[in-house]
């Protein structure tokens, strides 16, 4: 099964959300429909970056890694170069 690590950006406040899932389209719909309580007030969300992995463990490890440098130069470089990665 394929898993994804993804970054969403709020169109309301421009802040980011980092997550992982096996179905990125379903997950984006859930976020935008208000099923994620913590993001309800930040909708709509837009997918700005994603990476594909062969296992949930790898996707979750990458999610944790990205969260560790959120807001730093590595995170900014990922977002700036994301147009070729989605």
Protein backbone atom coordinates (compact mmCIF):
# COMPACT_ATOMS: atom_id res chain seq x y z
CA UNK A 1 0.00 0.00 0.00
CA UNK A 2 1.14 3.55 -0.72
CA UNK A 3 1.35 6.18 2.03
CA UNK A 4 1.90 9.89 1.83
CA UNK A 5 3.41 12.61 3.96
CA UNK A 6 1.76 15.91 3.13
CA UNK A 7 1.73 19.60 3.97
CA UNK A 8 -1.41 21.69 3.84
CA UNK A 9 -1.57 25.46 3.98
CA UNK A 10 -4.52 27.38 5.34
CA UNK A 11 -5.90 29.89 2.86
CA UNK A 12 -7.30 31.78 5.84
CA UNK A 13 -4.17 32.34 7.93
CA UNK A 14 -1.37 30.90 5.70
CA UNK A 15 -0.21 28.52 8.46
CA UNK A 16 0.81 24.94 7.72
CA UNK A 17 -0.40 21.50 8.79
CA UNK A 18 1.77 18.39 8.36
CA UNK A 19 0.33 14.88 8.29
CA UNK A 20 0.48 11.41 6.76
CA UNK A 21 -2.18 9.16 5.24
CA UNK A 22 -2.85 6.33 2.82
CA UNK A 23 -5.46 8.39 0.92
CA UNK A 24 -4.43 11.98 0.43
CA UNK A 25 -7.57 13.04 -1.48
CA UNK A 26 -9.89 11.67 1.21
CA UNK A 27 -7.82 13.28 3.95
CA UNK A 28 -7.87 16.71 2.29
CA UNK A 29 -11.66 16.46 1.96
CA UNK A 30 -11.92 15.54 5.64
CA UNK A 31 -9.81 18.52 6.66
CA UNK A 32 -11.84 20.90 4.50
CA UNK A 33 -15.21 19.53 5.65
CA UNK A 34 -14.42 20.27 9.30
CA UNK A 35 -13.85 16.69 10.49
CA UNK A 36 -10.50 17.73 11.96
CA UNK A 37 -11.47 19.87 14.96
CA UNK A 38 -8.11 21.59 15.28
CA UNK A 39 -8.28 22.84 11.68
CA UNK A 40 -11.95 23.80 11.53
CA UNK A 41 -11.29 27.50 12.07
CA UNK A 42 -8.42 27.52 9.53
CA UNK A 43 -10.37 26.24 6.50
CA UNK A 44 -10.03 26.06 3.57
CA UNK A 45 -6.80 24.10 3.40
CA UNK A 46 -4.74 23.62 0.24
CA UNK A 47 -2.26 20.83 -0.51
CA UNK A 48 1.14 22.46 -1.07
CA UNK A 49 3.52 19.48 -0.76
CA UNK A 50 3.43 15.69 -0.72
CA UNK A 51 5.81 12.74 -0.76
CA UNK A 52 4.99 9.09 -1.46
CA UNK A 53 6.23 6.12 0.61
CA UNK A 54 5.86 2.35 0.50
CA UNK A 55 4.97 1.96 4.18
CA UNK A 56 3.11 3.78 6.92
CA UNK A 57 6.20 3.68 9.13
CA UNK A 58 8.30 5.56 6.57
CA UNK A 59 5.57 8.16 5.96
CA UNK A 60 5.13 8.75 9.69
CA UNK A 61 8.89 8.99 10.24
CA UNK A 62 9.10 11.62 7.49
CA UNK A 63 6.14 13.49 9.01
CA UNK A 64 7.98 13.61 12.33
CA UNK A 65 11.17 14.78 10.62
CA UNK A 66 9.38 17.60 8.77
CA UNK A 67 7.66 18.69 11.99
CA UNK A 68 11.06 18.89 13.70
CA UNK A 69 12.20 21.64 11.35
CA UNK A 70 8.89 23.37 10.65
CA UNK A 71 9.48 27.08 10.32
CA UNK A 72 13.20 26.71 9.65
CA UNK A 73 15.14 27.08 6.41
CA UNK A 74 14.76 23.40 5.49
CA UNK A 75 10.98 23.69 5.78
CA UNK A 76 10.92 26.91 3.73
CA UNK A 77 13.07 25.31 1.01
CA UNK A 78 10.68 22.34 0.81
CA UNK A 79 7.68 24.63 0.38
CA UNK A 80 9.42 26.88 -2.18
CA UNK A 81 10.47 23.86 -4.25
CA UNK A 82 7.13 22.07 -3.84
CA UNK A 83 5.69 22.86 -7.26
CA UNK A 84 7.67 19.96 -8.72
CA UNK A 85 6.89 17.51 -5.86
CA UNK A 86 3.06 17.38 -5.73
